[in-house]
Amino acid sequence: MPYLPARAKEAVGEWLLVRDPGGGTTSLLLPINKAGRIDDRWLSLQAVLGILQRVGESAVVDEFALHDMLRTFITSLPDVGAELHVVSQLAGHVSMETTKLYDRRGEQAKMRAVERLGLG
């Protein structure tokens, strides 16, 4: 868990203790059966996406796909000061050019960057 904010690391650590007090399970996300017990099997990527989509529907969020989450991640990090090469590494991209394709900041981000120079 090296690349999580402190509070997220704490929450994941707490979940890991609930999920598997003995520490033998390797999966982070496990399904919970109808009886409320944790099943010791992988939760598929499609299952995770389905859960996120249901949560999104209840929160009245437009439809989204996995790449939308990656785009949000990549677009948000530079706005909080992350350098593009670091964002590229966090996204798992070999090339920064790939990362740039996901960056959806627009003209406003360019204006904010220029304003930070404090030349005017």
Protein backbone atom coordinates (compact mmCIF):
# COMPACT_ATOMS: atom_id res chain seq x y z
CA MET A 1 0.00 0.00 0.00
CA PRO A 2 2.80 2.45 -0.69
CA TYR A 3 0.82 4.94 -2.77
CA LEU A 4 -2.20 5.66 -0.62
CA PRO A 5 -2.90 8.67 1.58
CA ALA A 6 -2.45 7.97 5.31
CA ARG A 7 -6.19 7.77 6.05
CA ALA A 8 -6.75 5.37 3.15
CA LYS A 9 -3.88 3.16 4.37
CA GLU A 10 -5.47 3.12 7.81
CA ALA A 11 -8.88 2.17 6.39
CA VAL A 12 -7.39 -0.58 4.21
CA GLY A 13 -5.43 -1.88 7.21
CA GLU A 14 -8.62 -2.01 9.26
CA TRP A 15 -10.43 -3.82 6.44
CA LEU A 16 -7.61 -6.34 6.11
CA LEU A 17 -8.00 -7.22 9.80
CA VAL A 18 -11.76 -7.70 9.37
CA ARG A 19 -11.38 -9.53 6.09
CA ASP A 20 -8.78 -11.99 7.29
CA PRO A 21 -7.50 -11.70 10.86
CA GLY A 22 -4.94 -14.46 10.20
CA GLY A 23 -3.46 -12.68 7.17
CA GLY A 24 -3.63 -15.68 4.82
CA THR A 25 -5.87 -14.20 2.11
CA THR A 26 -4.15 -12.28 -0.66
CA SER A 27 -7.18 -10.55 -2.21
CA LEU A 28 -8.02 -7.04 -1.10
CA LEU A 29 -11.63 -7.16 -2.22
CA LEU A 30 -13.68 -10.22 -1.41
CA PRO A 31 -17.38 -10.83 -1.94
CA ILE A 32 -19.75 -10.92 1.01
CA ASN A 33 -22.42 -13.59 0.71
CA LYS A 34 -26.12 -13.19 1.51
CA ALA A 35 -25.51 -14.44 5.05
CA GLY A 36 -23.09 -11.53 5.56
CA ARG A 37 -19.99 -13.72 5.64
CA ILE A 38 -16.87 -12.95 3.62
CA ASP A 39 -16.19 -15.49 0.86
CA ASP A 40 -12.53 -16.35 0.37
CA ARG A 41 -12.44 -15.90 -3.40
CA TRP A 42 -11.44 -13.13 -5.76
CA LEU A 43 -13.88 -10.37 -6.58
CA SER A 44 -13.63 -9.94 -10.34
CA LEU A 45 -12.95 -6.62 -12.04
CA GLN A 46 -16.42 -6.81 -13.61
CA ALA A 47 -17.97 -7.32 -10.16
CA VAL A 48 -16.12 -4.28 -8.80
CA LEU A 49 -17.25 -2.20 -11.78
CA GLY A 50 -20.83 -3.39 -11.27
CA ILE A 51 -20.74 -2.34 -7.62
CA LEU A 52 -19.28 1.05 -8.50
CA GLN A 53 -21.93 1.55 -11.18
CA ARG A 54 -24.73 0.72 -8.71
CA VAL A 55 -23.27 3.16 -6.19
CA GLY A 56 -23.00 5.73 -8.98
CA GLU A 57 -26.65 5.23 -9.91
CA SER A 58 -27.78 5.72 -6.31
CA ALA A 59 -25.63 8.88 -6.16
CA VAL A 60 -27.17 10.04 -9.47
CA VAL A 61 -23.82 10.00 -11.28
CA ASP A 62 -23.76 9.64 -15.05
CA GLU A 63 -22.72 6.29 -16.47
CA PHE A 64 -19.00 5.66 -16.39
CA ALA A 65 -16.42 3.08 -17.37
CA LEU A 66 -13.15 1.98 -15.81
CA HIS A 67 -11.19 4.30 -18.09
CA ASP A 68 -13.26 7.22 -16.80
CA MET A 69 -11.84 6.53 -13.34
CA LEU A 70 -8.32 6.44 -14.78
CA ARG A 71 -8.96 9.71 -16.62
CA THR A 72 -10.16 11.32 -13.38
CA PHE A 73 -7.09 10.04 -11.52
CA ILE A 74 -4.71 11.32 -14.19
CA THR A 75 -6.49 14.65 -14.57
CA SER A 76 -6.70 15.33 -10.82
CA LEU A 77 -3.11 14.62 -9.77
CA PRO A 78 -1.43 17.49 -11.67
CA ASP A 79 -3.99 19.88 -10.19
CA VAL A 80 -2.66 19.07 -6.73
CA GLY A 81 0.96 19.48 -7.79
CA ALA A 82 1.99 16.04 -9.04
CA GLU A 83 4.46 16.11 -11.91
CA LEU A 84 3.32 14.44 -15.13
CA HIS A 85 6.12 11.84 -15.10
CA VAL A 86 5.03 10.79 -11.58
CA VAL A 87 1.40 10.62 -12.71
CA SER A 88 2.50 8.46 -15.63
CA GLN A 89 4.31 6.08 -13.28
CA LEU A 90 1.31 5.87 -10.93
CA ALA A 91 -0.94 5.08 -13.90
CA GLY A 92 1.42 2.32 -14.97
CA HIS A 93 2.16 3.87 -18.33
CA VAL A 94 5.48 3.27 -20.04
CA SER A 95 5.16 6.51 -21.99
CA MET A 96 4.07 9.95 -20.79
CA GLU A 97 2.44 10.34 -24.19
CA THR A 98 -0.09 7.69 -23.17
CA THR A 99 -0.74 9.54 -19.92
CA LYS A 100 -1.29 12.80 -21.80
CA LEU A 101 -4.13 11.15 -23.74
CA TYR A 102 -6.03 10.72 -20.47
CA ASP A 103 -5.44 14.25 -19.20
CA ARG A 104 -8.72 16.18 -19.52
CA ARG A 105 -7.67 19.47 -17.92
CA GLY A 106 -8.50 22.22 -20.34
CA GLU A 107 -7.83 25.87 -20.87
CA GLN A 108 -8.66 26.69 -17.24
CA ALA A 109 -5.74 24.54 -16.04
CA LYS A 110 -3.42 26.37 -18.42
CA MET A 111 -4.62 29.71 -17.10
CA ARG A 112 -4.15 28.60 -13.46
CA ALA A 113 -0.61 27.43 -14.28
CA VAL A 114 0.31 30.78 -15.81
CA GLU A 115 -1.27 32.68 -12.90
CA ARG A 116 0.93 30.72 -10.45
CA LEU A 117 3.97 32.37 -12.00
CA GLY A 118 2.93 35.62 -10.34
CA LEU A 119 4.23 37.79 -13.16
CA GLY A 120 1.25 40.07 -13.43
